[in-house]
Amino acid sequence: MNDIQAHLKFLPMSAQKVRLVVDLVRGKNANEALEMLRFVNKAAALPVRKLLASAVANAEENYGVSRDDLFVAKIFADEAPTRKWRRFGARGRFKPLLRRNSHVTVVLRERGS
């Protein structure tokens, strides 16, 4: 059985914050992970939950795999390009602002393979 992958690119949230949520679901059953993410009180929980639901739907539709047999084999958040701009401060200075983004990848695998 091939690994089922789904990617979320340019999530407007730092990878450090997304990793807090991603680490909770790694290695869990797909249904259990989706249910857990409903009650995590973090901003990153909703996009990660949608990504996981998309990966489960891809597995069911494209590979004919039951959602009960799936588990989260790998899930990770990497840094994406940072958007940089500046705010002007007092005395002719400027304050750099960094808008950090992240890429999230989830890999599902069938139990027993």
C-alpha atoms as a PDB file:
ATOM      1  CA  MET A   1       0.000   0.000   0.000  1.00  0.00           C
ATOM      2  CA  ASN A   2       1.301   3.407  -0.929  1.00  0.00           C
ATOM      3  CA  ASP A   3       1.415   6.242   1.543  1.00  0.00           C
ATOM      4  CA  ILE A   4      -1.436   8.727   1.224  1.00  0.00           C
ATOM      5  CA  GLN A   5      -0.159  12.299   1.374  1.00  0.00           C
ATOM      6  CA  ALA A   6      -1.751  15.702   1.678  1.00  0.00           C
ATOM      7  CA  HIS A   7       0.011  19.057   1.791  1.00  0.00           C
ATOM      8  CA  LEU A   8      -0.974  22.446   3.130  1.00  0.00           C
ATOM      9  CA  LYS A   9       1.228  25.184   1.759  1.00  0.00           C
ATOM     10  CA  PHE A  10       1.738  28.741   2.983  1.00  0.00           C
ATOM     11  CA  LEU A  11      -0.299  28.449   6.176  1.00  0.00           C
ATOM     12  CA  PRO A  12      -0.074  31.964   7.672  1.00  0.00           C
ATOM     13  CA  MET A  13       1.201  30.754  11.027  1.00  0.00           C
ATOM     14  CA  SER A  14       4.666  30.079  12.322  1.00  0.00           C
ATOM     15  CA  ALA A  15       5.931  26.508  12.110  1.00  0.00           C
ATOM     16  CA  GLN A  16       6.745  26.597  15.820  1.00  0.00           C
ATOM     17  CA  LYS A  17       3.061  27.116  16.696  1.00  0.00           C
ATOM     18  CA  VAL A  18       1.877  24.498  14.208  1.00  0.00           C
ATOM     19  CA  ARG A  19       4.305  21.911  15.599  1.00  0.00           C
ATOM     20  CA  LEU A  20       2.587  22.109  18.984  1.00  0.00           C
ATOM     21  CA  VAL A  21      -0.584  20.727  17.381  1.00  0.00           C
ATOM     22  CA  VAL A  22       1.106  18.381  14.907  1.00  0.00           C
ATOM     23  CA  ASP A  23       3.012  16.585  17.662  1.00  0.00           C
ATOM     24  CA  LEU A  24      -0.265  15.635  19.361  1.00  0.00           C
ATOM     25  CA  VAL A  25      -1.597  13.536  16.457  1.00  0.00           C
ATOM     26  CA  ARG A  26       1.534  11.815  15.171  1.00  0.00           C
ATOM     27  CA  GLY A  27       1.128   8.022  15.300  1.00  0.00           C
ATOM     28  CA  LYS A  28      -2.566   8.115  16.202  1.00  0.00           C
ATOM     29  CA  ASN A  29      -5.484   6.473  14.438  1.00  0.00           C
ATOM     30  CA  ALA A  30      -6.972   8.873  11.850  1.00  0.00           C
ATOM     31  CA  ASN A  31     -10.435   8.957  13.458  1.00  0.00           C
ATOM     32  CA  GLU A  32      -8.939   9.459  16.893  1.00  0.00           C
ATOM     33  CA  ALA A  33      -6.718  12.272  15.623  1.00  0.00           C
ATOM     34  CA  LEU A  34      -9.644  14.061  13.945  1.00  0.00           C
ATOM     35  CA  GLU A  35     -11.705  13.817  17.127  1.00  0.00           C
ATOM     36  CA  MET A  36      -8.803  15.050  19.259  1.00  0.00           C
ATOM     37  CA  LEU A  37      -8.218  18.077  17.041  1.00  0.00           C
ATOM     38  CA  ARG A  38     -11.816  19.209  17.535  1.00  0.00           C
ATOM     39  CA  PHE A  39     -11.035  19.993  21.183  1.00  0.00           C
ATOM     40  CA  VAL A  40      -7.507  21.391  20.977  1.00  0.00           C
ATOM     41  CA  ASN A  41      -7.570  25.053  21.943  1.00  0.00           C
ATOM     42  CA  LYS A  42      -4.953  26.286  19.456  1.00  0.00           C
ATOM     43  CA  ALA A  43      -5.358  28.349  16.300  1.00  0.00           C
ATOM     44  CA  ALA A  44      -3.430  25.775  14.262  1.00  0.00           C
ATOM     45  CA  ALA A  45      -5.848  22.971  15.173  1.00  0.00           C
ATOM     46  CA  LEU A  46      -8.489  23.920  12.571  1.00  0.00           C
ATOM     47  CA  PRO A  47      -6.191  23.995   9.496  1.00  0.00           C
ATOM     48  CA  VAL A  48      -4.440  20.788  10.599  1.00  0.00           C
ATOM     49  CA  ARG A  49      -7.818  19.100  11.135  1.00  0.00           C
ATOM     50  CA  LYS A  50      -8.980  20.135   7.661  1.00  0.00           C
ATOM     51  CA  LEU A  51      -5.748  18.831   6.155  1.00  0.00           C
ATOM     52  CA  LEU A  52      -6.117  15.504   7.950  1.00  0.00           C
ATOM     53  CA  ALA A  53      -9.763  15.212   6.855  1.00  0.00           C
ATOM     54  CA  SER A  54      -8.681  15.885   3.269  1.00  0.00           C
ATOM     55  CA  ALA A  55      -6.035  13.158   3.455  1.00  0.00           C
ATOM     56  CA  VAL A  56      -8.612  10.684   4.822  1.00  0.00           C
ATOM     57  CA  ALA A  57     -11.046  11.602   2.031  1.00  0.00           C
ATOM     58  CA  ASN A  58      -8.268  11.127  -0.554  1.00  0.00           C
ATOM     59  CA  ALA A  59      -7.549   7.665   0.843  1.00  0.00           C
ATOM     60  CA  GLU A  60     -11.206   6.629   0.734  1.00  0.00           C
ATOM     61  CA  GLU A  61     -11.899   8.055  -2.716  1.00  0.00           C
ATOM     62  CA  ASN A  62      -8.677   7.291  -4.591  1.00  0.00           C
ATOM     63  CA  TYR A  63      -7.451   4.120  -2.882  1.00  0.00           C
ATOM     64  CA  GLY A  64     -10.646   2.582  -1.486  1.00  0.00           C
ATOM     65  CA  VAL A  65      -9.205   2.344   2.016  1.00  0.00           C
ATOM     66  CA  SER A  66     -11.498   2.394   5.052  1.00  0.00           C
ATOM     67  CA  ARG A  67     -10.932   5.327   7.385  1.00  0.00           C
ATOM     68  CA  ASP A  68     -10.869   2.931  10.351  1.00  0.00           C
ATOM     69  CA  ASP A  69      -7.695   1.283   8.999  1.00  0.00           C
ATOM     70  CA  LEU A  70      -5.709   4.520   8.614  1.00  0.00           C
ATOM     71  CA  PHE A  71      -3.198   6.026  11.004  1.00  0.00           C
ATOM     72  CA  VAL A  72      -0.983   9.113  10.874  1.00  0.00           C
ATOM     73  CA  ALA A  73       2.412   7.714   9.892  1.00  0.00           C
ATOM     74  CA  LYS A  74       4.137  11.081   9.477  1.00  0.00           C
ATOM     75  CA  ILE A  75       3.063  14.647   9.995  1.00  0.00           C
ATOM     76  CA  PHE A  76       5.389  17.626  10.087  1.00  0.00           C
ATOM     77  CA  ALA A  77       5.440  21.393   9.746  1.00  0.00           C
ATOM     78  CA  ASP A  78       8.266  23.139   7.913  1.00  0.00           C
ATOM     79  CA  GLU A  79       9.031  26.809   7.550  1.00  0.00           C
ATOM     80  CA  ALA A  80       7.765  28.537   4.426  1.00  0.00           C
ATOM     81  CA  PRO A  81       9.100  31.801   3.009  1.00  0.00           C
ATOM     82  CA  THR A  82       8.753  34.665   5.471  1.00  0.00           C
ATOM     83  CA  ARG A  83       7.061  37.855   4.350  1.00  0.00           C
ATOM     84  CA  LYS A  84       9.067  40.846   5.520  1.00  0.00           C
ATOM     85  CA  TRP A  85       8.104  44.467   5.726  1.00  0.00           C
ATOM     86  CA  ARG A  86       8.743  47.418   7.978  1.00  0.00           C
ATOM     87  CA  ARG A  87       6.976  49.919  10.190  1.00  0.00           C
ATOM     88  CA  PHE A  88       8.454  53.321  10.604  1.00  0.00           C
ATOM     89  CA  GLY A  89       9.416  54.261  14.114  1.00  0.00           C
ATOM     90  CA  ALA A  90      10.562  57.355  15.942  1.00  0.00           C
ATOM     91  CA  ARG A  91      13.689  59.279  15.005  1.00  0.00           C
ATOM     92  CA  GLY A  92      13.850  58.013  11.451  1.00  0.00           C
ATOM     93  CA  ARG A  93      14.194  54.355  12.401  1.00  0.00           C
ATOM     94  CA  PHE A  94      12.115  51.482  11.212  1.00  0.00           C
ATOM     95  CA  LYS A  95      10.960  48.322  12.891  1.00  0.00           C
ATOM     96  CA  PRO A  96      11.113  45.124  10.836  1.00  0.00           C
ATOM     97  CA  LEU A  97       8.027  42.902  10.887  1.00  0.00           C
ATOM     98  CA  LEU A  98       8.164  39.235   9.954  1.00  0.00           C
ATOM     99  CA  ARG A  99       5.053  37.332   8.866  1.00  0.00           C
ATOM    100  CA  ARG A 100       6.008  33.699   9.219  1.00  0.00           C
ATOM    101  CA  ASN A 101       4.357  30.983   7.155  1.00  0.00           C
ATOM    102  CA  SER A 102       4.563  27.219   7.228  1.00  0.00           C
ATOM    103  CA  HIS A 103       4.070  24.154   5.050  1.00  0.00           C
ATOM    104  CA  VAL A 104       2.332  21.169   6.664  1.00  0.00           C
ATOM    105  CA  THR A 105       2.549  17.624   5.279  1.00  0.00           C
ATOM    106  CA  VAL A 106       0.594  14.607   6.485  1.00  0.00           C
ATOM    107  CA  VAL A 107       1.252  10.981   5.467  1.00  0.00           C
ATOM    108  CA  LEU A 108      -1.362   8.352   6.225  1.00  0.00           C
ATOM    109  CA  ARG A 109      -0.707   4.623   6.137  1.00  0.00           C
ATOM    110  CA  GLU A 110      -2.969   1.611   6.345  1.00  0.00           C
ATOM    111  CA  ARG A 111      -2.719  -0.473   9.522  1.00  0.00           C
ATOM    112  CA  GLY A 112      -1.065  -3.809   8.969  1.00  0.00           C
ATOM    113  CA  SER A 113       1.004  -2.764   5.941  1.00  0.00           C
END
